[in-house]
Amino acid sequence: MILDELTQGLDPAARRTVWDAIRQLNDEGTTVLLVTHEMDEAEALCDRVAVMRAGHVIDAGAPADLIERHASTAVIRFSMPDPPAQLLDQVRRLDGVREVTRSGARITVRGHRRIVAHVCAALVRWEPVPADLAISQPGLEDALLGLLNGDHDEPPADTSVNGELIGGRR
């Protein structure tokens, strides 16, 4: 089944109903090719996604794989008036942390998206967890923007589809 921009213009409740129907079709064995500009929709419904530019596939894979390749940086922000030096040192040493900055009481941690669990666990150990803890976790839309704004002279690594349908659920 080919679905082209099926949920465009629908209210959120109707959109979720359509999503449920697409999942049911797929669960019953129907292959669905979904054409959409809504990256949250593709991330929620598709096992594989193909990103196209000028009629050519520039990368393809599972949504999580595309996010890993093109938008893997998470940002964690929180306030702590007098953060213990040991906490900041512990956070800096976490695998995947690229940067820890402090401006007054405001602390920002940047790194691979896997750091979120580790930084939050460190904060729990130091109690209380900051009330303004905010996490920016990249999604498929971030990956798409990173991919489309990046350099594509070289083909992406391992994007073969092995005869599988790209851009939908099988």
Protein backbone atom coordinates (compact mmCIF):
# COMPACT_ATOMS: atom_id res chain seq x y z
CA MET A 1 0.00 0.00 0.00
CA ILE A 2 1.37 3.43 -0.91
CA LEU A 3 0.30 6.34 1.31
CA ASP A 4 1.26 9.86 0.24
CA GLU A 5 1.05 12.60 2.90
CA LEU A 6 -1.92 10.78 4.40
CA THR A 7 -2.16 12.77 7.64
CA GLN A 8 -1.45 16.25 6.31
CA GLY A 9 -4.01 18.68 7.70
CA LEU A 10 -5.54 16.27 10.21
CA ASP A 11 -6.13 17.25 13.81
CA PRO A 12 -3.99 15.36 16.40
CA ALA A 13 -6.76 12.90 17.38
CA ALA A 14 -7.53 11.97 13.77
CA ARG A 15 -3.82 11.67 13.03
CA ARG A 16 -3.38 9.15 15.87
CA THR A 17 -6.36 7.16 14.60
CA VAL A 18 -4.79 6.96 11.14
CA TRP A 19 -1.45 5.92 12.71
CA ASP A 20 -3.22 3.10 14.54
CA ALA A 21 -4.83 1.96 11.29
CA ILE A 22 -1.44 1.97 9.51
CA ARG A 23 0.11 -0.09 12.33
CA GLN A 24 -2.77 -2.56 12.16
CA LEU A 25 -2.41 -2.97 8.38
CA ASN A 26 1.28 -3.60 8.83
CA ASP A 27 0.73 -6.05 11.70
CA GLU A 28 -1.64 -7.97 9.41
CA GLY A 29 1.11 -8.34 6.81
CA THR A 30 0.52 -5.39 4.48
CA THR A 31 3.66 -3.63 3.30
CA VAL A 32 3.21 0.12 3.66
CA LEU A 33 5.20 2.72 1.74
CA LEU A 34 4.67 6.01 3.54
CA VAL A 35 5.57 9.29 1.84
CA THR A 36 5.73 12.08 4.41
CA HIS A 37 7.48 15.29 5.36
CA GLU A 38 6.48 14.74 9.00
CA MET A 39 9.56 13.26 10.63
CA ASP A 40 7.78 12.41 13.88
CA GLU A 41 5.37 10.35 11.79
CA ALA A 42 8.18 8.55 9.97
CA GLU A 43 9.99 7.92 13.26
CA ALA A 44 6.84 6.50 14.85
CA LEU A 45 5.64 4.36 11.92
CA CYS A 46 8.59 3.33 9.77
CA ASP A 47 11.08 0.52 10.22
CA ARG A 48 13.22 2.00 7.44
CA VAL A 49 13.47 5.51 6.05
CA ALA A 50 15.00 6.79 2.81
CA VAL A 51 16.05 10.42 2.61
CA MET A 52 15.93 11.78 -0.91
CA ARG A 53 17.34 14.89 -2.55
CA ALA A 54 16.82 15.71 -6.22
CA GLY A 55 15.40 12.26 -6.88
CA HIS A 56 18.33 10.37 -5.33
CA VAL A 57 18.48 8.47 -2.05
CA ILE A 58 21.25 10.12 -0.02
CA ASP A 59 20.90 7.85 3.01
CA ALA A 60 18.63 5.11 4.25
CA GLY A 61 18.16 3.00 7.31
CA ALA A 62 16.23 2.56 10.50
CA PRO A 63 15.26 5.88 12.11
CA ALA A 64 17.58 5.19 15.07
CA ASP A 65 20.48 4.51 12.69
CA LEU A 66 19.91 7.76 10.80
CA ILE A 67 19.78 9.65 14.10
CA GLU A 68 23.02 8.00 15.20
CA ARG A 69 24.78 8.92 11.95
CA HIS A 70 23.53 12.49 11.57
CA ALA A 71 22.30 13.86 14.92
CA SER A 72 23.80 12.04 17.88
CA THR A 73 24.46 15.05 20.15
CA ALA A 74 22.27 15.50 23.21
CA VAL A 75 22.26 18.63 25.37
CA ILE A 76 21.45 18.58 29.08
CA ARG A 77 20.88 21.82 30.99
CA PHE A 78 20.26 22.42 34.68
CA SER A 79 20.93 24.92 37.42
CA MET A 80 22.92 24.23 40.52
CA PRO A 81 24.07 27.31 42.49
CA ASP A 82 27.09 25.59 44.08
CA PRO A 83 27.72 22.35 42.20
CA PRO A 84 30.15 20.07 43.99
CA ALA A 85 33.46 19.94 42.10
CA GLN A 86 33.32 16.15 42.34
CA LEU A 87 29.99 16.08 40.49
CA LEU A 88 31.29 18.21 37.62
CA ASP A 89 34.46 16.09 37.45
CA GLN A 90 32.38 12.91 37.44
CA VAL A 91 30.18 14.25 34.62
CA ARG A 92 33.22 15.36 32.57
CA ARG A 93 34.70 11.83 32.80
CA LEU A 94 31.54 10.08 31.57
CA ASP A 95 31.99 8.21 28.29
CA GLY A 96 30.47 10.27 25.49
CA VAL A 97 30.57 13.67 27.23
CA ARG A 98 32.18 16.19 24.90
CA GLU A 99 31.72 19.43 26.82
CA VAL A 100 30.63 20.71 30.22
CA THR A 101 30.19 24.45 30.55
CA ARG A 102 29.09 26.60 33.45
CA SER A 103 27.69 30.12 33.40
CA GLY A 104 26.84 31.15 36.93
CA ALA A 105 24.50 28.51 38.29
CA ARG A 106 23.60 27.22 34.81
CA ILE A 107 25.39 24.06 33.66
CA THR A 108 25.27 22.67 30.12
CA VAL A 109 26.49 19.21 29.15
CA ARG A 110 26.89 18.20 25.51
CA GLY A 111 27.75 14.78 24.19
CA HIS A 112 26.60 11.60 22.57
CA ARG A 113 22.92 10.88 23.25
CA ARG A 114 23.83 7.91 25.46
CA ILE A 115 25.08 10.39 28.11
CA VAL A 116 21.53 11.33 29.13
CA ALA A 117 21.02 8.30 31.37
CA HIS A 118 24.48 8.60 32.90
CA VAL A 119 24.26 12.33 33.64
CA CYS A 120 20.78 11.93 35.13
CA ALA A 121 22.00 9.02 37.28
CA ALA A 122 24.87 11.18 38.55
CA LEU A 123 22.43 13.97 39.42
CA VAL A 124 20.17 11.54 41.30
CA ARG A 125 23.14 10.43 43.41
CA TRP A 126 23.91 14.06 44.35
CA GLU A 127 20.28 14.99 45.17
CA PRO A 128 18.18 16.92 44.88
CA VAL A 129 17.69 16.62 41.14
CA PRO A 130 17.54 20.16 39.74
CA ALA A 131 13.96 21.32 39.18
CA ASP A 132 14.87 22.92 35.84
CA LEU A 133 16.56 19.83 34.36
CA ALA A 134 16.03 20.01 30.58
CA ILE A 135 17.14 17.47 27.99
CA SER A 136 17.33 18.04 24.26
CA GLN A 137 17.47 14.62 22.62
CA PRO A 138 17.89 14.52 18.83
CA GLY A 139 15.19 12.94 16.68
CA LEU A 140 14.71 12.02 13.05
CA GLU A 141 14.00 15.63 12.08
CA ASP A 142 17.38 16.66 13.52
CA ALA A 143 19.03 13.82 11.59
CA LEU A 144 17.32 14.89 8.37
CA LEU A 145 18.48 18.48 8.82
CA GLY A 146 22.00 17.32 9.64
CA LEU A 147 22.04 15.08 6.60
CA LEU A 148 20.63 17.66 4.20
CA ASN A 149 22.95 20.39 5.49
CA GLY A 150 26.02 18.13 5.44
CA ASP A 151 28.58 17.27 2.79
CA HIS A 152 27.45 14.43 0.53
CA ASP A 153 30.31 14.04 -1.89
CA GLU A 154 30.95 10.59 -0.40
CA PRO A 155 28.17 8.01 -0.25
CA PRO A 156 27.09 7.20 3.31
CA ALA A 157 28.45 4.02 4.84
CA ASP A 158 26.34 0.86 4.70
CA THR A 159 23.08 2.15 3.25
CA SER A 160 22.36 -0.86 1.07
CA VAL A 161 18.81 -2.06 1.33
CA ASN A 162 19.40 -5.72 0.47
CA GLY A 163 16.25 -5.85 -1.59
CA GLU A 164 14.09 -4.55 1.27
CA LEU A 165 11.45 -1.88 0.98
CA ILE A 166 12.79 1.56 1.93
CA GLY A 167 10.63 4.14 3.67
CA GLY A 168 7.94 2.00 5.18
CA ARG A 169 7.15 -0.90 7.41
CA ARG A 170 7.31 -4.43 6.18
